[in-house]
C-alpha atoms as a PDB file:
ATOM      1  CA  MET A   1      -6.320  13.171   7.529  1.00  0.00           C
ATOM      2  CA  ARG A   2      -8.995  11.031   7.888  1.00  0.00           C
ATOM      3  CA  ILE A   3      -9.102   7.295   8.654  1.00  0.00           C
ATOM      4  CA  LEU A   4     -11.346   5.200   6.627  1.00  0.00           C
ATOM      5  CA  ARG A   5     -12.576   2.025   8.618  1.00  0.00           C
ATOM      6  CA  ALA A   6     -12.958  -1.661   6.879  1.00  0.00           C
ATOM      7  CA  GLY A   7     -16.016  -1.643   8.494  1.00  0.00           C
ATOM      8  CA  ASP A   8     -17.296   1.392   7.126  1.00  0.00           C
ATOM      9  CA  HIS A   9     -16.066   0.693   3.290  1.00  0.00           C
ATOM     10  CA  LYS A  10     -19.345   0.767   0.861  1.00  0.00           C
ATOM     11  CA  ARG A  11     -20.369  -2.427  -0.745  1.00  0.00           C
ATOM     12  CA  MET A  12     -21.685  -1.909  -4.673  1.00  0.00           C
ATOM     13  CA  PRO A  13     -22.410  -4.234  -7.768  1.00  0.00           C
ATOM     14  CA  TRP A  14     -19.963  -3.964 -10.438  1.00  0.00           C
ATOM     15  CA  LYS A  15     -20.695  -1.337 -13.186  1.00  0.00           C
ATOM     16  CA  ASN A  16     -21.120  -4.351 -15.498  1.00  0.00           C
ATOM     17  CA  GLY A  17     -22.958  -6.639 -12.994  1.00  0.00           C
ATOM     18  CA  GLY A  18     -20.655  -9.642 -12.887  1.00  0.00           C
ATOM     19  CA  GLY A  19     -19.480  -9.270  -9.130  1.00  0.00           C
ATOM     20  CA  GLU A  20     -19.226  -6.848  -5.723  1.00  0.00           C
ATOM     21  CA  THR A  21     -16.590  -3.885  -5.234  1.00  0.00           C
ATOM     22  CA  VAL A  22     -16.082  -2.395  -1.973  1.00  0.00           C
ATOM     23  CA  GLU A  23     -15.518   1.320  -2.227  1.00  0.00           C
ATOM     24  CA  ILE A  24     -12.709   2.571  -0.246  1.00  0.00           C
ATOM     25  CA  ALA A  25     -12.547   6.265  -1.206  1.00  0.00           C
ATOM     26  CA  VAL A  26     -14.076   8.160  -3.838  1.00  0.00           C
ATOM     27  CA  SER A  27     -13.656  11.789  -4.883  1.00  0.00           C
ATOM     28  CA  PRO A  28     -16.207  13.911  -4.791  1.00  0.00           C
ATOM     29  CA  GLU A  29     -17.289  11.947  -1.906  1.00  0.00           C
ATOM     30  CA  GLY A  30     -20.705  10.363  -2.847  1.00  0.00           C
ATOM     31  CA  ALA A  31     -19.888  10.284  -6.426  1.00  0.00           C
ATOM     32  CA  GLY A  32     -21.545   7.451  -8.641  1.00  0.00           C
ATOM     33  CA  LEU A  33     -19.416   5.449 -11.252  1.00  0.00           C
ATOM     34  CA  ALA A  34     -20.282   7.859 -13.920  1.00  0.00           C
ATOM     35  CA  GLY A  35     -19.319  11.132 -12.331  1.00  0.00           C
ATOM     36  CA  PHE A  36     -15.811  10.326  -9.948  1.00  0.00           C
ATOM     37  CA  ASP A  37     -12.818  12.128 -10.520  1.00  0.00           C
ATOM     38  CA  TRP A  38     -10.664   9.311  -8.814  1.00  0.00           C
ATOM     39  CA  ARG A  39     -12.055   5.937  -6.724  1.00  0.00           C
ATOM     40  CA  VAL A  40      -9.812   3.531  -4.869  1.00  0.00           C
ATOM     41  CA  SER A  41     -11.850  -0.108  -4.418  1.00  0.00           C
ATOM     42  CA  MET A  42     -11.555  -3.564  -3.899  1.00  0.00           C
ATOM     43  CA  ALA A  43     -13.190  -6.220  -5.785  1.00  0.00           C
ATOM     44  CA  THR A  44     -13.261  -9.788  -5.641  1.00  0.00           C
ATOM     45  CA  VAL A  45     -13.085 -11.829  -8.949  1.00  0.00           C
ATOM     46  CA  ALA A  46     -14.077 -15.314  -8.635  1.00  0.00           C
ATOM     47  CA  THR A  47     -15.096 -15.885 -12.608  1.00  0.00           C
ATOM     48  CA  ASP A  48     -13.010 -15.384 -15.676  1.00  0.00           C
ATOM     49  CA  GLY A  49     -14.731 -12.424 -17.728  1.00  0.00           C
ATOM     50  CA  PRO A  50     -14.661  -8.726 -18.870  1.00  0.00           C
ATOM     51  CA  PHE A  51     -13.842  -5.734 -17.042  1.00  0.00           C
ATOM     52  CA  SER A  52     -16.246  -2.776 -16.999  1.00  0.00           C
ATOM     53  CA  ILE A  53     -15.630  -0.239 -19.305  1.00  0.00           C
ATOM     54  CA  PHE A  54     -15.244   3.236 -18.024  1.00  0.00           C
ATOM     55  CA  PRO A  55     -14.695   6.075 -20.312  1.00  0.00           C
ATOM     56  CA  GLY A  56     -11.887   8.434 -20.114  1.00  0.00           C
ATOM     57  CA  ILE A  57     -10.343   6.798 -16.960  1.00  0.00           C
ATOM     58  CA  ASP A  58      -7.262   5.160 -16.065  1.00  0.00           C
ATOM     59  CA  ARG A  59      -6.854   2.405 -13.846  1.00  0.00           C
ATOM     60  CA  THR A  60      -3.942   0.315 -11.832  1.00  0.00           C
ATOM     61  CA  LEU A  61      -4.709  -2.832 -10.251  1.00  0.00           C
ATOM     62  CA  ALA A  62      -2.532  -4.815  -7.784  1.00  0.00           C
ATOM     63  CA  ILE A  63      -3.455  -8.565  -6.421  1.00  0.00           C
ATOM     64  CA  LEU A  64      -4.408  -8.436  -2.514  1.00  0.00           C
ATOM     65  CA  ASP A  65      -5.082 -12.258  -2.397  1.00  0.00           C
ATOM     66  CA  GLY A  66      -5.043 -15.368  -4.486  1.00  0.00           C
ATOM     67  CA  ASN A  67      -3.022 -17.094  -7.280  1.00  0.00           C
ATOM     68  CA  GLY A  68      -3.724 -14.437  -9.756  1.00  0.00           C
ATOM     69  CA  MET A  69      -5.072 -13.878 -13.134  1.00  0.00           C
ATOM     70  CA  VAL A  70      -4.014 -12.967 -16.676  1.00  0.00           C
ATOM     71  CA  LEU A  71      -5.329  -9.981 -17.992  1.00  0.00           C
ATOM     72  CA  ASP A  72      -5.710  -9.825 -22.017  1.00  0.00           C
ATOM     73  CA  ILE A  73      -5.832  -6.089 -22.723  1.00  0.00           C
ATOM     74  CA  GLU A  74      -6.854  -5.205 -26.364  1.00  0.00           C
ATOM     75  CA  GLY A  75      -4.139  -4.147 -28.176  1.00  0.00           C
ATOM     76  CA  SER A  76      -1.301  -5.579 -25.580  1.00  0.00           C
ATOM     77  CA  THR A  77       0.408  -9.161 -24.730  1.00  0.00           C
ATOM     78  CA  PRO A  78      -1.819 -10.822 -22.210  1.00  0.00           C
ATOM     79  CA  VAL A  79       0.038 -10.142 -18.653  1.00  0.00           C
ATOM     80  CA  LEU A  80       0.135 -12.411 -15.610  1.00  0.00           C
ATOM     81  CA  LEU A  81      -0.863 -10.140 -12.217  1.00  0.00           C
ATOM     82  CA  THR A  82      -0.002 -11.857  -8.948  1.00  0.00           C
ATOM     83  CA  MET A  83       0.559 -10.909  -5.559  1.00  0.00           C
ATOM     84  CA  ALA A  84       4.352 -10.522  -6.578  1.00  0.00           C
ATOM     85  CA  SER A  85       3.904  -8.222  -9.511  1.00  0.00           C
ATOM     86  CA  ASP A  86       4.048  -4.496  -9.360  1.00  0.00           C
ATOM     87  CA  PRO A  87       0.699  -2.879  -9.772  1.00  0.00           C
ATOM     88  CA  LEU A  88      -0.156  -2.677 -13.415  1.00  0.00           C
ATOM     89  CA  ALA A  89      -1.213   0.636 -15.070  1.00  0.00           C
ATOM     90  CA  PHE A  90      -3.513   0.681 -17.946  1.00  0.00           C
ATOM     91  CA  PRO A  91      -6.514   2.280 -19.377  1.00  0.00           C
ATOM     92  CA  ALA A  92     -10.387   1.618 -18.008  1.00  0.00           C
ATOM     93  CA  ASP A  93     -11.674   2.532 -21.545  1.00  0.00           C
ATOM     94  CA  ILE A  94     -10.565  -0.085 -23.677  1.00  0.00           C
ATOM     95  CA  PRO A  95     -11.578  -3.852 -23.808  1.00  0.00           C
ATOM     96  CA  VAL A  96      -9.631  -6.194 -20.965  1.00  0.00           C
ATOM     97  CA  GLY A  97     -10.699  -9.396 -20.059  1.00  0.00           C
ATOM     98  CA  ALA A  98      -9.645 -11.584 -17.001  1.00  0.00           C
ATOM     99  CA  ARG A  99      -8.651 -15.235 -16.752  1.00  0.00           C
ATOM    100  CA  LEU A 100      -8.221 -16.296 -13.338  1.00  0.00           C
ATOM    101  CA  GLN A 101      -5.275 -18.898 -12.795  1.00  0.00           C
ATOM    102  CA  ASP A 102      -6.507 -20.911  -9.841  1.00  0.00           C
ATOM    103  CA  GLY A 103      -9.425 -19.752  -7.943  1.00  0.00           C
ATOM    104  CA  ALA A 104     -10.876 -16.381  -6.797  1.00  0.00           C
ATOM    105  CA  ILE A 105      -8.597 -13.378  -6.449  1.00  0.00           C
ATOM    106  CA  THR A 106      -8.856 -10.462  -4.451  1.00  0.00           C
ATOM    107  CA  ASP A 107      -7.794  -6.800  -6.049  1.00  0.00           C
ATOM    108  CA  LEU A 108      -6.793  -3.366  -5.499  1.00  0.00           C
ATOM    109  CA  ASN A 109      -8.237  -0.892  -8.403  1.00  0.00           C
ATOM    110  CA  VAL A 110      -7.092   2.629  -8.361  1.00  0.00           C
ATOM    111  CA  MET A 111      -9.076   5.015 -10.756  1.00  0.00           C
ATOM    112  CA  THR A 112      -8.636   8.454 -12.257  1.00  0.00           C
ATOM    113  CA  ARG A 113     -10.250  10.638 -14.695  1.00  0.00           C
ATOM    114  CA  ARG A 114      -7.591  11.274 -17.400  1.00  0.00           C
ATOM    115  CA  ALA A 115      -8.803  14.678 -18.371  1.00  0.00           C
ATOM    116  CA  GLY A 116      -7.503  16.353 -15.397  1.00  0.00           C
ATOM    117  CA  LEU A 117      -5.816  13.834 -12.952  1.00  0.00           C
ATOM    118  CA  GLY A 118      -3.324  10.957 -12.722  1.00  0.00           C
ATOM    119  CA  HIS A 119      -1.896   8.574 -10.270  1.00  0.00           C
ATOM    120  CA  THR A 120       0.590   5.783  -8.850  1.00  0.00           C
ATOM    121  CA  LEU A 121       0.121   2.632  -6.560  1.00  0.00           C
ATOM    122  CA  SER A 122       2.920   1.461  -5.097  1.00  0.00           C
ATOM    123  CA  ARG A 123       3.416  -1.767  -2.582  1.00  0.00           C
ATOM    124  CA  VAL A 124       5.003  -0.512   1.007  1.00  0.00           C
ATOM    125  CA  ASP A 125       6.019  -3.470   3.352  1.00  0.00           C
ATOM    126  CA  VAL A 126       6.210  -2.455   6.923  1.00  0.00           C
ATOM    127  CA  ASP A 127       8.656  -4.376   9.322  1.00  0.00           C
ATOM    128  CA  GLY A 128       9.620  -2.110  12.071  1.00  0.00           C
ATOM    129  CA  ASN A 129      10.111   1.667  11.690  1.00  0.00           C
ATOM    130  CA  ARG A 130       9.538   3.237   8.682  1.00  0.00           C
ATOM    131  CA  ILE A 131       9.101   6.608   6.871  1.00  0.00           C
ATOM    132  CA  VAL A 132       6.973   6.774   4.100  1.00  0.00           C
ATOM    133  CA  ALA A 133       6.952  10.370   2.037  1.00  0.00           C
ATOM    134  CA  LEU A 134       3.803  11.601   0.544  1.00  0.00           C
ATOM    135  CA  PRO A 135       4.513  12.618  -2.928  1.00  0.00           C
ATOM    136  CA  SER A 136       1.025  14.398  -3.857  1.00  0.00           C
ATOM    137  CA  SER A 137      -1.467  16.555  -2.574  1.00  0.00           C
ATOM    138  CA  THR A 138      -3.930  13.219  -2.565  1.00  0.00           C
ATOM    139  CA  CYS A 139      -2.695  10.013  -0.974  1.00  0.00           C
ATOM    140  CA  LEU A 140      -4.360   6.970   0.305  1.00  0.00           C
ATOM    141  CA  PHE A 141      -2.317   4.346   2.537  1.00  0.00           C
ATOM    142  CA  LEU A 142      -4.330   0.968   2.531  1.00  0.00           C
ATOM    143  CA  CYS A 143      -3.184  -1.453   5.460  1.00  0.00           C
ATOM    144  CA  HIS A 144      -3.856  -4.598   3.422  1.00  0.00           C
ATOM    145  CA  LEU A 145      -2.498  -7.019   5.864  1.00  0.00           C
ATOM    146  CA  GLY A 146      -1.150  -6.497   9.777  1.00  0.00           C
ATOM    147  CA  THR A 147      -1.326  -3.383  12.030  1.00  0.00           C
ATOM    148  CA  LEU A 148       0.725  -0.581  12.272  1.00  0.00           C
ATOM    149  CA  SER A 149       0.342   2.705  14.340  1.00  0.00           C
ATOM    150  CA  PHE A 150       1.405   6.123  12.677  1.00  0.00           C
ATOM    151  CA  ARG A 151       2.101   9.704  13.944  1.00  0.00           C
ATOM    152  CA  TRP A 152       0.232  12.613  12.370  1.00  0.00           C
ATOM    153  CA  ASP A 153       0.497  16.007  13.545  1.00  0.00           C
ATOM    154  CA  ASP A 154       1.836  14.979  17.145  1.00  0.00           C
ATOM    155  CA  ASP A 155      -0.893  12.011  17.819  1.00  0.00           C
ATOM    156  CA  THR A 156      -0.380   8.576  17.478  1.00  0.00           C
ATOM    157  CA  HIS A 157      -3.081   6.304  15.470  1.00  0.00           C
ATOM    158  CA  ALA A 158      -3.374   2.650  14.499  1.00  0.00           C
ATOM    159  CA  LEU A 159      -4.768   0.914  11.073  1.00  0.00           C
ATOM    160  CA  THR A 160      -5.615  -2.674  11.143  1.00  0.00           C
ATOM    161  CA  ALA A 161      -6.083  -4.951   7.753  1.00  0.00           C
ATOM    162  CA  GLY A 162      -8.731  -3.266   5.508  1.00  0.00           C
ATOM    163  CA  ASP A 163      -8.158   0.215   7.057  1.00  0.00           C
ATOM    164  CA  ALA A 164      -7.128   3.240   4.960  1.00  0.00           C
ATOM    165  CA  LEU A 165      -5.660   6.869   5.775  1.00  0.00           C
ATOM    166  CA  LEU A 166      -6.316   9.224   3.422  1.00  0.00           C
ATOM    167  CA  ILE A 167      -4.297  12.278   3.255  1.00  0.00           C
ATOM    168  CA  GLU A 168      -4.921  15.776   1.349  1.00  0.00           C
ATOM    169  CA  ASP A 169      -2.873  18.719   1.379  1.00  0.00           C
ATOM    170  CA  SER A 170       0.219  16.067   1.934  1.00  0.00           C
ATOM    171  CA  VAL A 171       2.845  17.282  -0.713  1.00  0.00           C
ATOM    172  CA  GLY A 172       6.367  17.266   1.217  1.00  0.00           C
ATOM    173  CA  LYS A 173       4.957  15.530   3.961  1.00  0.00           C
ATOM    174  CA  VAL A 174       5.653  12.037   6.081  1.00  0.00           C
ATOM    175  CA  LEU A 175       4.061   9.150   7.847  1.00  0.00           C
ATOM    176  CA  GLU A 176       5.710   7.849  10.524  1.00  0.00           C
ATOM    177  CA  ILE A 177       4.845   4.386  10.765  1.00  0.00           C
ATOM    178  CA  ASP A 178       5.746   1.479  12.871  1.00  0.00           C
ATOM    179  CA  GLY A 179       4.674  -2.050  12.674  1.00  0.00           C
ATOM    180  CA  GLU A 180       4.477  -5.325  10.461  1.00  0.00           C
ATOM    181  CA  ALA A 181       1.917  -4.733   7.383  1.00  0.00           C
ATOM    182  CA  GLN A 182       1.548  -4.893   4.106  1.00  0.00           C
ATOM    183  CA  CYS A 183       0.346  -1.520   2.782  1.00  0.00           C
ATOM    184  CA  TYR A 184      -0.817  -0.034  -0.522  1.00  0.00           C
ATOM    185  CA  LEU A 185      -0.070   3.838  -1.466  1.00  0.00           C
ATOM    186  CA  ALA A 186      -2.057   5.595  -3.898  1.00  0.00           C
ATOM    187  CA  SER A 187      -0.951   9.047  -5.101  1.00  0.00           C
ATOM    188  CA  ILE A 188      -3.567  11.164  -7.017  1.00  0.00           C
ATOM    189  CA  THR A 189      -1.843  13.756  -8.989  1.00  0.00           C
ATOM    190  CA  ALA A 190      -3.270  16.544 -11.080  1.00  0.00           C
ATOM    191  CA  GLY A 191      -2.657  15.979 -14.663  1.00  0.00           C
END
């Protein structure tokens, strides 16, 4: 178990040069955009435009802040993605265009290499005590808004907005959480 503090997240330019991303975690650690197995990041999108193409990668996107954006995913009907929407999964190696609804947004992006991995992303609202099951061997739990405390191996730790918890060898384990927060759980699975 490793706590990843918001102030330590790595900032880097988008692959297509159109903006900046905040990398929360990547595997293998230190991997670049062409060599990762999985990656979790946040980005602020301030203008309409194309998504970066990542061959052989699947991605899931959730809107963290802002009024949403319409995604034009090649071969699909345009989809409006808002903060109220469930996270949306789609291939990262086909053309996707983004049209902002009303101003900039911040999104959460989970990507895995299709040849060996898969992933899910779900929103977890915490209001008081809650038990969160960890469904895969690698899980990343992001505290987007609010604060919470959690118990792990009889120790209590805290997360504040932007902090994340990376847990490996987590299958069948649970997080005991207390607080008020909006969170996201990314589960990485062998494909």
